[in-house]
Amino acid sequence: MIAIVDCNNFYASCERLFQPKMMGLAIVVLSNNDGCVIARSEEAKALGIEMGAPAFMMKEFLGRENVQVFSSNYTLYGDLSQRVLKTLENFTPLIECYSIDEAFLDLSRLKEVNLFEYGITIRNTIAMNIGLPVSIGIAPSKSLAKMANRYAKKVLPGTGVFVLDTTEKTNRVLQWTPIGDVWGIGGQHGRRLKLMGIKTAYDFVHQLNADWIRNNMSVMGERLFNELKGIPSIECQDVAKAKKGICTARSFGRLLSEKKDIQEAVANYASSCAAKLRMQHSCASTINILIQTNVHRTQDKQYSRSVTLQIPVATNSTGKIISFALKGLDIIYKPGYNFKKAGVIVTSIIPDTQVQQSLFGNPGSGQKDVQVMKMLDAVNKRFGKDLVKFAIQGYSKQWKLKQMHLSPCYTTNINQVLKIKI
């Protein structure tokens, strides 16, 4: 059996965790630069606030309805996500982190265990250790577990756990789930299936056959078909696959025209890409740099360009990746424009154990970079992100995201921990 643990309204729940006065109030979390709604509490959903809604267009409505607005605090969310995963490690050795707020658990090794009670124990332990509400679905396959989880969240919010351990329960959930809400059914396939009279997951399983699905929905559709029949076809992966491309691209908090400010932003984005490469033990040999103006400001001159550079020896060294990123910026930057966005993308990624050195390079320089980066990562992990960084990354942060409603980093910054007066 496979379980999926899903943190309910994760971003909103993280904000509410440290401010209990928010209990019962509508909460929305905004995207970068406080642009659009990317997370909502149940109370906000009840008010009709939609995902992706532009915040500036709802300012009056949000104030009138006393909606609590937060800027996205990914440092806080990421740390709490890791704490949930650490707690889940006590229940099974095989965990697949599916997203920041979801994880699959392989429970196949548990014999003669009441899975419903086990799910309740997991849910209560997370609530006690971390304070976040979760829903848990347990089933013979990943796809059915996703359905069971959604059923537990929508139909059984008080219990929060549902186990598909009988045919009756499985059919109930299949009949309850609209075809468009099935994990793996995209919009195009969903519309096509509805036109064919396939309205629910139950219809999908009982009115179609494997041959039709294989011919019309490829091998992924056939796997889904088997999954919904209770035949596991998507394995749990305890080790995440290395990314084939890593991108850090963001809009600036305000328009920038000075090259030095854009250089600082690009250097920080390049540093972020390098750190992500090291986290997955990879190196990159291609880097792409992009800049663009704000297409919505018709009063400004418009300009958008990118350039791709080859790195002779694949690397994950922050210094080298920053160096190539700034070379790319020198090529594409033009004075006299108000720039809104910049980005750095690294590709041609390979494991750091497979780097082919240059015939004419210094054979000792690569190992020296590795040692320096290890020390940099160790210091920043212990004492705080970007405590040690390259000078070109600067401190002015003219490019910093607009975060007018940012909550404190309660769990990662000693200066922002909660203070209790007794």
Protein backbone atom coordinates (compact mmCIF):
# COMPACT_ATOMS: atom_id res chain seq x y z
CA MET A 1 0.00 0.00 0.00
CA ILE A 2 1.06 3.58 -0.70
CA ALA A 3 0.15 6.67 1.29
CA ILE A 4 0.33 10.31 0.31
CA VAL A 5 0.56 12.95 3.01
CA ASP A 6 -0.61 16.37 1.86
CA CYS A 7 -0.33 19.50 4.01
CA ASN A 8 -3.65 21.32 3.85
CA ASN A 9 -3.48 24.83 2.32
CA PHE A 10 0.24 24.63 3.06
CA TYR A 11 1.43 28.23 2.60
CA ALA A 12 -1.58 29.66 4.42
CA SER A 13 -1.22 27.08 7.21
CA CYS A 14 2.48 28.00 7.64
CA GLU A 15 1.55 31.65 8.14
CA ARG A 16 -1.26 30.78 10.52
CA LEU A 17 0.99 28.47 12.57
CA PHE A 18 2.86 31.37 14.17
CA GLN A 19 -0.13 33.70 14.37
CA PRO A 20 -3.01 31.80 16.01
CA LYS A 21 -5.11 34.96 15.87
CA MET A 22 -5.48 34.18 12.15
CA MET A 23 -7.53 31.07 12.92
CA GLY A 24 -10.88 31.38 11.18
CA LEU A 25 -9.77 34.35 9.07
CA ALA A 26 -9.34 34.28 5.30
CA ILE A 27 -5.67 34.17 4.23
CA VAL A 28 -4.05 34.61 0.83
CA VAL A 29 -0.38 34.32 -0.08
CA LEU A 30 0.95 36.29 -3.04
CA SER A 31 3.51 35.43 -5.71
CA ASN A 32 6.84 37.16 -6.28
CA ASN A 33 6.59 40.95 -6.14
CA ASP A 34 3.18 40.57 -4.47
CA GLY A 35 1.61 39.98 -7.86
CA CYS A 36 -1.02 37.23 -7.84
CA VAL A 37 -2.70 34.87 -5.39
CA ILE A 38 -0.84 31.54 -5.22
CA ALA A 39 -2.34 30.08 -2.03
CA ARG A 40 -5.62 30.42 -0.15
CA SER A 41 -7.09 29.24 3.10
CA GLU A 42 -10.50 27.55 3.02
CA GLU A 43 -12.07 30.79 4.22
CA ALA A 44 -10.53 32.67 1.27
CA LYS A 45 -11.82 30.04 -1.15
CA ALA A 46 -15.29 30.48 0.34
CA LEU A 47 -15.11 34.19 -0.51
CA GLY A 48 -14.62 33.28 -4.16
CA ILE A 49 -10.97 34.33 -4.41
CA GLU A 50 -9.43 32.45 -7.31
CA MET A 51 -5.89 31.19 -7.82
CA GLY A 52 -3.88 33.58 -9.95
CA ALA A 53 -6.10 36.56 -9.20
CA PRO A 54 -4.10 39.84 -9.42
CA ALA A 55 -3.76 41.33 -5.95
CA PHE A 56 -3.85 44.98 -7.09
CA MET A 57 -7.28 44.47 -8.64
CA MET A 58 -8.69 43.11 -5.37
CA LYS A 59 -7.16 45.57 -2.91
CA GLU A 60 -10.49 47.10 -1.90
CA PHE A 61 -12.21 43.71 -1.69
CA LEU A 62 -9.46 42.20 0.44
CA GLY A 63 -9.65 45.08 2.88
CA ARG A 64 -13.44 45.02 3.07
CA GLU A 65 -13.51 41.27 3.76
CA ASN A 66 -10.64 41.46 6.28
CA VAL A 67 -8.53 39.05 4.23
CA GLN A 68 -5.04 38.59 5.68
CA VAL A 69 -2.46 39.09 2.94
CA PHE A 70 1.08 37.65 3.01
CA SER A 71 4.04 37.82 0.66
CA SER A 72 5.45 34.41 -0.20
CA ASN A 73 8.02 33.39 2.43
CA TYR A 74 9.77 30.43 0.80
CA THR A 75 12.43 30.25 3.49
CA LEU A 76 9.77 29.55 6.10
CA TYR A 77 7.78 27.17 3.90
CA GLY A 78 10.85 25.20 2.87
CA ASP A 79 12.04 24.75 6.45
CA LEU A 80 8.63 23.57 7.67
CA SER A 81 8.42 21.19 4.71
CA GLN A 82 11.73 19.63 5.75
CA ARG A 83 10.43 19.24 9.31
CA VAL A 84 7.40 17.37 8.02
CA LEU A 85 9.65 15.04 6.01
CA LYS A 86 11.86 14.41 9.05
CA THR A 87 8.77 13.41 11.03
CA LEU A 88 7.57 11.10 8.25
CA GLU A 89 10.93 9.28 8.28
CA ASN A 90 9.87 7.76 11.61
CA PHE A 91 7.03 5.88 9.90
CA THR A 92 8.67 4.35 6.81
CA PRO A 93 12.17 4.19 5.34
CA LEU A 94 10.99 4.88 1.77
CA ILE A 95 9.68 8.41 1.22
CA GLU A 96 9.32 10.29 -2.03
CA CYS A 97 9.11 14.06 -1.66
CA TYR A 98 6.65 14.84 -4.45
CA SER A 99 6.40 18.59 -3.82
CA ILE A 100 6.96 21.10 -1.05
CA ASP A 101 3.68 20.07 0.60
CA GLU A 102 3.24 16.42 -0.51
CA ALA A 103 5.11 13.17 0.05
CA PHE A 104 4.47 9.56 -0.91
CA LEU A 105 5.14 6.85 1.68
CA ASP A 106 5.69 3.21 0.76
CA LEU A 107 3.82 1.18 3.38
CA SER A 108 4.18 -2.17 1.62
CA ARG A 109 6.51 -3.50 4.29
CA LEU A 110 3.95 -3.01 7.04
CA LYS A 111 2.23 -6.30 7.76
CA GLU A 112 -0.74 -6.84 10.04
CA VAL A 113 -1.04 -3.12 10.68
CA ASN A 114 -4.34 -1.25 10.76
CA LEU A 115 -3.57 1.32 8.07
CA PHE A 116 -6.38 3.68 9.07
CA GLU A 117 -5.09 3.87 12.64
CA TYR A 118 -1.54 4.22 11.30
CA GLY A 119 -2.66 7.18 9.18
CA ILE A 120 -4.34 8.77 12.19
CA THR A 121 -1.10 8.35 14.14
CA ILE A 122 0.91 10.02 11.35
CA ARG A 123 -1.56 12.90 11.19
CA ASN A 124 -1.59 13.43 14.96
CA THR A 125 2.21 13.24 15.18
CA ILE A 126 2.67 15.94 12.54
CA ALA A 127 0.10 18.10 14.31
CA MET A 128 1.89 17.64 17.62
CA ASN A 129 5.48 17.99 16.36
CA ILE A 130 4.97 20.78 13.83
CA GLY A 131 1.43 22.07 14.14
CA LEU A 132 0.38 21.73 10.50
CA PRO A 133 -2.87 20.03 9.39
CA VAL A 134 -2.50 17.22 6.85
CA SER A 135 -4.73 14.87 4.90
CA ILE A 136 -3.69 11.29 4.15
CA GLY A 137 -4.84 8.94 1.42
CA ILE A 138 -3.81 5.28 1.43
CA ALA A 139 -4.34 2.91 -1.50
CA PRO A 140 -2.67 0.16 -3.57
CA SER A 141 -1.31 2.69 -6.13
CA LYS A 142 -0.12 6.29 -6.27
CA SER A 143 -3.02 7.50 -8.39
CA LEU A 144 -5.62 5.92 -6.10
CA ALA A 145 -3.79 7.32 -3.07
CA LYS A 146 -4.07 10.82 -4.59
CA MET A 147 -7.82 10.30 -5.00
CA ALA A 148 -8.20 8.95 -1.48
CA ASN A 149 -6.31 11.97 -0.17
CA ARG A 150 -8.59 14.40 -1.99
CA TYR A 151 -11.63 12.51 -0.71
CA ALA A 152 -10.31 12.68 2.86
CA LYS A 153 -9.68 16.42 2.52
CA LYS A 154 -13.02 17.33 0.95
CA VAL A 155 -15.45 14.80 2.44
CA LEU A 156 -13.83 13.80 5.74
CA PRO A 157 -11.98 16.93 6.95
CA GLY A 158 -12.48 15.98 10.59
CA THR A 159 -10.84 12.59 10.17
CA GLY A 160 -8.44 13.55 7.41
CA VAL A 161 -7.55 9.93 6.56
CA PHE A 162 -9.11 7.55 4.04
CA VAL A 163 -7.95 4.06 3.09
CA LEU A 164 -8.97 2.31 -0.13
CA ASP A 165 -8.77 -1.23 1.18
CA THR A 166 -12.01 -2.60 -0.30
CA THR A 167 -13.63 -2.63 -3.73
CA GLU A 168 -16.63 -0.73 -2.34
CA LYS A 169 -14.48 2.13 -1.06
CA THR A 170 -12.46 2.28 -4.27
CA ASN A 171 -15.58 2.44 -6.45
CA ARG A 172 -17.04 5.13 -4.20
CA VAL A 173 -14.01 7.36 -4.69
CA LEU A 174 -13.79 6.61 -8.42
CA GLN A 175 -17.44 7.62 -8.87
CA TRP A 176 -16.92 10.75 -6.74
CA THR A 177 -13.88 12.00 -8.71
CA PRO A 178 -14.56 14.04 -11.90
CA ILE A 179 -12.39 12.95 -14.80
CA GLY A 180 -10.76 16.39 -14.95
CA ASP A 181 -9.52 16.00 -11.37
CA VAL A 182 -7.74 12.70 -11.97
CA TRP A 183 -3.99 12.98 -11.36
CA GLY A 184 -2.34 12.74 -14.79
CA ILE A 185 -5.36 13.73 -16.91
CA GLY A 186 -4.49 17.01 -18.61
CA GLY A 187 -6.95 19.58 -19.90
CA GLN A 188 -6.91 18.34 -23.49
CA HIS A 189 -7.53 14.70 -22.58
CA GLY A 190 -10.11 15.75 -20.00
CA ARG A 191 -12.17 17.67 -22.55
CA ARG A 192 -11.95 14.82 -25.07
CA LEU A 193 -13.04 12.22 -22.52
CA LYS A 194 -16.00 14.34 -21.41
CA LEU A 195 -17.19 14.59 -25.01
CA MET A 196 -17.08 10.79 -25.10
CA GLY A 197 -19.30 10.60 -22.01
CA ILE A 198 -16.45 9.77 -19.62
CA LYS A 199 -17.39 12.03 -16.70
CA THR A 200 -15.75 10.30 -13.74
CA ALA A 201 -12.72 8.18 -12.92
CA TYR A 202 -15.13 5.23 -12.59
CA ASP A 203 -16.25 5.73 -16.19
CA PHE A 204 -12.62 5.87 -17.29
CA VAL A 205 -11.85 2.50 -15.72
CA HIS A 206 -15.05 0.66 -16.64
CA GLN A 207 -16.01 2.09 -20.06
CA LEU A 208 -12.61 2.17 -21.76
CA ASN A 209 -10.10 -0.58 -22.51
CA ALA A 210 -6.31 -0.74 -22.44
CA ASP A 211 -5.96 -0.89 -26.25
CA TRP A 212 -7.91 2.35 -26.79
CA ILE A 213 -6.00 4.13 -24.02
CA ARG A 214 -2.62 2.92 -25.33
CA ASN A 215 -3.43 4.15 -28.85
CA ASN A 216 -4.93 7.48 -27.81
CA MET A 217 -3.22 8.43 -24.55
CA SER A 218 0.26 6.88 -24.93
CA VAL A 219 2.08 4.75 -22.38
CA MET A 220 1.44 7.26 -19.57
CA GLY A 221 -2.30 6.89 -20.08
CA GLU A 222 -1.95 3.11 -19.92
CA ARG A 223 -0.03 3.39 -16.66
CA LEU A 224 -2.75 5.60 -15.23
CA PHE A 225 -5.39 3.11 -16.35
CA ASN A 226 -3.59 0.33 -14.47
CA GLU A 227 -3.08 2.55 -11.43
CA LEU A 228 -6.80 3.28 -11.19
CA LYS A 229 -7.47 -0.46 -11.37
CA GLY A 230 -5.23 -0.89 -8.33
CA ILE A 231 -2.21 -2.18 -10.25
CA PRO A 232 0.88 -0.16 -9.16
CA SER A 233 2.58 1.20 -12.28
CA ILE A 234 4.35 4.30 -10.94
CA GLU A 235 7.07 3.44 -8.46
CA CYS A 236 8.03 5.47 -5.41
CA GLN A 237 11.43 7.11 -5.79
CA ASP A 238 13.28 7.83 -2.57
CA VAL A 239 15.96 9.76 -4.48
CA ALA A 240 14.79 12.72 -6.54
CA LYS A 241 15.93 12.80 -10.16
CA ALA A 242 18.54 15.41 -10.92
CA LYS A 243 17.16 18.40 -12.81
CA LYS A 244 18.21 18.75 -16.44
CA GLY A 245 17.99 22.53 -16.27
CA ILE A 246 18.05 25.01 -13.39
CA CYS A 247 16.63 28.51 -13.72
CA THR A 248 16.57 31.55 -11.46
CA ALA A 249 14.64 34.35 -13.18
CA ARG A 250 12.76 37.04 -11.33
CA SER A 251 11.16 40.41 -11.83
CA PHE A 252 12.82 43.25 -9.97
CA GLY A 253 11.05 45.04 -7.14
CA ARG A 254 11.40 48.23 -9.20
CA LEU A 255 12.62 49.16 -12.66
CA LEU A 256 16.40 49.19 -13.06
CA SER A 257 18.43 51.05 -15.65
CA GLU A 258 21.91 51.14 -14.09
CA LYS A 259 24.13 48.28 -15.23
CA LYS A 260 25.73 47.83 -11.80
CA ASP A 261 22.33 47.13 -10.23
CA ILE A 262 21.49 44.56 -12.89
CA GLN A 263 24.95 43.00 -12.48
CA GLU A 264 24.26 42.55 -8.79
CA ALA A 265 20.94 40.85 -9.52
CA VAL A 266 22.43 38.55 -12.17
CA ALA A 267 25.31 37.63 -9.84
CA ASN A 268 22.84 36.62 -7.13
CA TYR A 269 20.74 34.60 -9.58
CA ALA A 270 23.87 32.85 -10.83
CA SER A 271 24.87 32.09 -7.23
CA SER A 272 21.46 30.53 -6.63
CA CYS A 273 21.86 28.29 -9.71
CA ALA A 274 25.32 27.20 -8.57
CA ALA A 275 24.06 26.32 -5.09
CA LYS A 276 21.23 24.23 -6.57
CA LEU A 277 23.74 22.40 -8.77
CA ARG A 278 25.82 21.50 -5.75
CA MET A 279 22.76 20.31 -3.85
CA GLN A 280 22.11 17.68 -6.51
CA HIS A 281 25.85 16.95 -7.01
CA SER A 282 25.84 18.19 -10.59
CA CYS A 283 27.79 20.53 -12.84
CA ALA A 284 26.69 22.57 -15.86
CA SER A 285 28.50 23.47 -19.07
CA THR A 286 25.95 25.82 -20.67
CA ILE A 287 24.60 29.07 -19.27
CA ASN A 288 21.87 31.35 -20.62
CA ILE A 289 21.38 34.95 -19.46
CA LEU A 290 18.29 37.01 -20.23
CA ILE A 291 17.06 40.54 -19.57
CA GLN A 292 13.84 42.28 -20.53
CA THR A 293 11.87 45.47 -20.02
CA ASN A 294 8.26 45.74 -18.86
CA VAL A 295 6.03 45.10 -21.89
CA HIS A 296 3.07 46.64 -20.04
CA ARG A 297 4.76 50.06 -19.81
CA THR A 298 3.93 51.33 -23.29
CA GLN A 299 5.54 54.67 -22.46
CA ASP A 300 8.96 52.97 -22.22
CA LYS A 301 11.24 51.73 -24.97
CA GLN A 302 11.07 47.95 -25.16
CA TYR A 303 14.01 45.56 -25.28
CA SER A 304 14.39 41.84 -24.62
CA ARG A 305 17.37 39.64 -25.34
CA SER A 306 19.17 36.52 -24.18
CA VAL A 307 22.50 34.91 -24.90
CA THR A 308 23.87 31.40 -24.39
CA LEU A 309 27.50 30.75 -23.47
CA GLN A 310 29.44 27.50 -23.29
CA ILE A 311 31.52 26.84 -20.17
CA PRO A 312 34.70 24.99 -21.26
CA VAL A 313 34.74 22.72 -18.20
CA ALA A 314 31.42 21.86 -16.52
CA THR A 315 31.29 23.45 -13.08
CA ASN A 316 29.15 24.19 -10.03
CA SER A 317 31.53 26.82 -8.68
CA THR A 318 29.67 29.98 -7.75
CA GLY A 319 32.60 32.16 -8.79
CA LYS A 320 32.90 30.64 -12.25
CA ILE A 321 29.18 30.64 -12.96
CA ILE A 322 28.91 34.28 -11.85
CA SER A 323 31.85 35.13 -14.13
CA PHE A 324 30.18 33.61 -17.20
CA ALA A 325 26.82 35.14 -16.29
CA LEU A 326 28.35 38.62 -16.17
CA LYS A 327 30.11 38.03 -19.50
CA GLY A 328 26.72 37.22 -20.99
CA LEU A 329 25.21 40.35 -19.44
CA ASP A 330 27.98 42.46 -21.00
CA ILE A 331 26.94 41.13 -24.41
CA ILE A 332 23.21 41.79 -24.15
CA TYR A 333 22.95 44.86 -21.89
CA LYS A 334 21.96 48.16 -23.52
CA PRO A 335 21.89 51.52 -21.71
CA GLY A 336 18.84 53.76 -21.82
CA TYR A 337 16.23 51.12 -20.98
CA ASN A 338 14.18 50.45 -17.85
CA PHE A 339 14.65 46.76 -17.17
CA LYS A 340 12.04 44.75 -15.28
CA LYS A 341 13.45 41.23 -15.25
CA ALA A 342 16.64 39.20 -15.54
CA GLY A 343 17.40 35.52 -15.35
CA VAL A 344 20.11 32.88 -15.37
CA ILE A 345 19.56 29.36 -16.68
CA VAL A 346 22.15 26.56 -16.51
CA THR A 347 21.80 23.47 -18.69
CA SER A 348 23.91 20.61 -20.12
CA ILE A 349 23.95 19.25 -16.59
CA ILE A 350 25.99 16.17 -15.70
CA PRO A 351 26.93 14.44 -12.42
CA ASP A 352 29.91 16.10 -10.73
CA THR A 353 31.75 12.76 -10.93
CA GLN A 354 31.71 12.83 -14.74
CA VAL A 355 33.35 16.21 -15.41
CA GLN A 356 35.97 16.05 -18.17
CA GLN A 357 38.84 18.41 -17.42
CA SER A 358 40.42 20.68 -20.01
CA LEU A 359 43.68 19.55 -21.60
CA PHE A 360 45.26 22.97 -21.02
CA GLY A 361 43.69 23.82 -17.65
CA ASN A 362 45.25 23.81 -14.22
CA PRO A 363 44.59 20.27 -12.88
CA GLY A 364 44.52 21.48 -9.26
CA SER A 365 42.09 24.37 -9.71
CA GLY A 366 38.99 22.17 -9.90
CA GLN A 367 39.66 20.49 -6.58
CA LYS A 368 40.41 23.83 -4.97
CA ASP A 369 37.02 25.15 -6.15
CA VAL A 370 35.32 22.09 -4.67
CA GLN A 371 36.88 22.69 -1.25
CA VAL A 372 36.06 26.40 -1.29
CA MET A 373 32.44 25.73 -2.21
CA LYS A 374 32.12 23.10 0.53
CA MET A 375 33.30 25.63 3.11
CA LEU A 376 31.02 28.36 1.73
CA ASP A 377 27.98 26.07 1.84
CA ALA A 378 28.83 24.83 5.33
CA VAL A 379 29.16 28.35 6.75
CA ASN A 380 25.98 29.62 5.10
CA LYS A 381 24.02 26.56 6.21
CA ARG A 382 25.05 27.03 9.82
CA PHE A 383 24.95 30.81 10.16
CA GLY A 384 22.43 31.95 7.55
CA LYS A 385 21.89 32.16 3.80
CA ASP A 386 24.36 34.40 1.94
CA LEU A 387 26.30 35.31 5.07
CA VAL A 388 29.40 34.59 2.97
CA LYS A 389 29.14 35.57 -0.67
CA PHE A 390 31.07 37.10 -3.56
CA ALA A 391 31.60 40.86 -3.53
CA ILE A 392 29.86 41.35 -6.88
CA GLN A 393 26.63 40.09 -5.27
CA GLY A 394 26.58 43.34 -3.30
CA TYR A 395 24.36 44.53 -0.50
CA SER A 396 22.26 47.31 -2.04
CA LYS A 397 19.60 44.93 -3.33
CA GLN A 398 18.01 47.53 -5.60
CA TRP A 399 16.65 44.52 -7.48
CA LYS A 400 15.07 42.90 -4.41
CA LEU A 401 11.56 41.54 -4.79
CA LYS A 402 8.68 43.65 -3.55
CA GLN A 403 7.50 41.92 -0.37
CA MET A 404 5.28 44.37 1.44
CA HIS A 405 3.55 41.66 3.50
CA LEU A 406 6.47 39.37 4.33
CA SER A 407 6.23 37.47 7.60
CA PRO A 408 9.31 36.76 9.75
CA CYS A 409 11.49 33.69 9.18
CA TYR A 410 10.47 32.27 12.56
CA THR A 411 12.43 29.02 12.28
CA THR A 412 15.63 29.99 10.46
CA ASN A 413 16.59 33.48 11.70
CA ILE A 414 17.57 33.80 15.35
CA ASN A 415 16.63 37.48 15.29
CA GLN A 416 13.09 36.68 14.18
CA VAL A 417 12.11 33.85 16.51
CA LEU A 418 8.97 34.35 18.53
CA LYS A 419 9.44 36.05 21.91
CA ILE A 420 7.09 35.03 24.70
CA LYS A 421 6.56 37.19 27.75
CA ILE A 422 5.64 35.33 30.92
